[in-house]
Amino acid sequence: MNDRERDIIRKTVLQLIMKGVVRWTNIEKLVCISCGAFATTNTIKRQFYGYLLANGYIERVSRGKYAVTEKGRKLYVALS
C-alpha cells in the first residue's frame, strides 16, 4: 500500500465520522465500499486504530463510537 492509498483511507474515515457515521462497523463497511480493492479490513483497521486513533485525530466517545478531534479536522483539510 502506498502513501496515496493510506491518505485516501484516512480522509474517507474522517469524512464519514464528520458526517455522523460514528460506529466502527459502519465506518469499516463504507470505507471498504468507497475506497476500492486496496481498502481491506486489515488496512482500514491499521489506519483507523494504528494511525488516526493512536495519534489523536479521532477519539473514542463510547464503546464502538468515535468522534473527530480538532487535530483530525486539520488533517482532513490538509488531505483535501
Protein backbone atom coordinates (compact mmCIF):
# COMPACT_ATOMS: atom_id res chain seq x y z
CA MET A 1 0.00 0.00 0.00
CA ASN A 2 1.39 3.40 -0.93
CA ASP A 3 1.02 6.77 0.80
CA ARG A 4 -1.71 7.94 -1.55
CA GLU A 5 -3.90 4.94 -0.73
CA ARG A 6 -3.33 5.45 3.00
CA ASP A 7 -4.32 9.09 2.67
CA ILE A 8 -7.49 8.13 0.80
CA ILE A 9 -8.50 5.74 3.60
CA ARG A 10 -7.69 8.29 6.30
CA LYS A 11 -9.60 11.06 4.54
CA THR A 12 -12.61 8.79 3.96
CA VAL A 13 -12.71 7.73 7.62
CA LEU A 14 -12.51 11.32 8.83
CA GLN A 15 -15.17 12.41 6.35
CA LEU A 16 -17.58 9.67 7.42
CA ILE A 17 -17.18 10.46 11.11
CA MET A 18 -17.71 14.18 10.49
CA LYS A 19 -20.89 13.34 8.58
CA GLY A 20 -22.23 11.43 11.57
CA VAL A 21 -21.19 7.83 10.88
CA VAL A 22 -19.67 7.16 14.27
CA ARG A 23 -19.81 3.38 14.73
CA TRP A 24 -16.77 1.30 13.78
CA THR A 25 -18.74 -1.40 11.95
CA ASN A 26 -20.49 1.14 9.71
CA ILE A 27 -17.26 3.02 9.05
CA GLU A 28 -15.47 -0.18 8.08
CA LYS A 29 -18.19 -1.22 5.62
CA LEU A 30 -18.47 2.18 3.98
CA VAL A 31 -14.71 2.61 3.59
CA CYS A 32 -14.44 -0.85 2.01
CA ILE A 33 -17.15 0.09 -0.47
CA SER A 34 -15.91 3.57 -1.33
CA CYS A 35 -12.13 3.04 -1.44
CA GLY A 36 -11.98 0.02 -3.70
CA ALA A 37 -9.73 -3.02 -3.78
CA PHE A 38 -6.85 -1.61 -1.73
CA ALA A 39 -9.11 -0.97 1.31
CA THR A 40 -9.22 -4.34 3.03
CA THR A 41 -10.46 -4.83 6.57
CA ASN A 42 -6.91 -5.10 7.90
CA THR A 43 -5.66 -1.97 6.15
CA ILE A 44 -8.64 0.01 7.41
CA LYS A 45 -8.06 -1.22 10.97
CA ARG A 46 -4.37 -0.26 10.78
CA GLN A 47 -5.18 3.24 9.58
CA PHE A 48 -8.09 3.66 12.00
CA TYR A 49 -6.56 2.30 15.20
CA GLY A 50 -2.84 2.42 14.43
CA TYR A 51 -2.75 5.89 12.94
CA LEU A 52 -5.87 8.03 13.41
CA LEU A 53 -6.77 6.92 16.94
CA ALA A 54 -3.19 6.46 18.17
CA ASN A 55 -2.14 9.94 17.02
CA GLY A 56 -5.20 11.78 18.35
CA TYR A 57 -7.00 12.52 15.09
CA ILE A 58 -10.09 10.70 16.32
CA GLU A 59 -11.22 9.84 19.83
CA ARG A 60 -13.34 7.12 21.32
CA VAL A 61 -16.57 8.60 22.69
CA SER A 62 -18.05 5.36 23.98
CA ARG A 63 -17.93 1.68 23.11
CA GLY A 64 -17.74 1.45 19.33
CA LYS A 65 -18.40 5.18 18.78
CA TYR A 66 -15.84 7.70 17.62
CA ALA A 67 -15.53 11.45 17.01
CA VAL A 68 -13.08 13.61 15.07
CA THR A 69 -10.84 15.87 17.15
CA GLU A 70 -9.73 19.38 16.17
CA LYS A 71 -6.40 17.85 15.13
CA GLY A 72 -8.33 15.44 12.91
CA ARG A 73 -10.25 18.29 11.26
CA LYS A 74 -6.92 19.95 10.40
CA LEU A 75 -5.65 16.69 8.91
CA TYR A 76 -8.83 16.38 6.84
CA VAL A 77 -8.30 19.86 5.42
CA ALA A 78 -4.67 19.03 4.65
CA LEU A 79 -5.70 15.82 2.84
CA SER A 80 -8.35 17.63 0.75
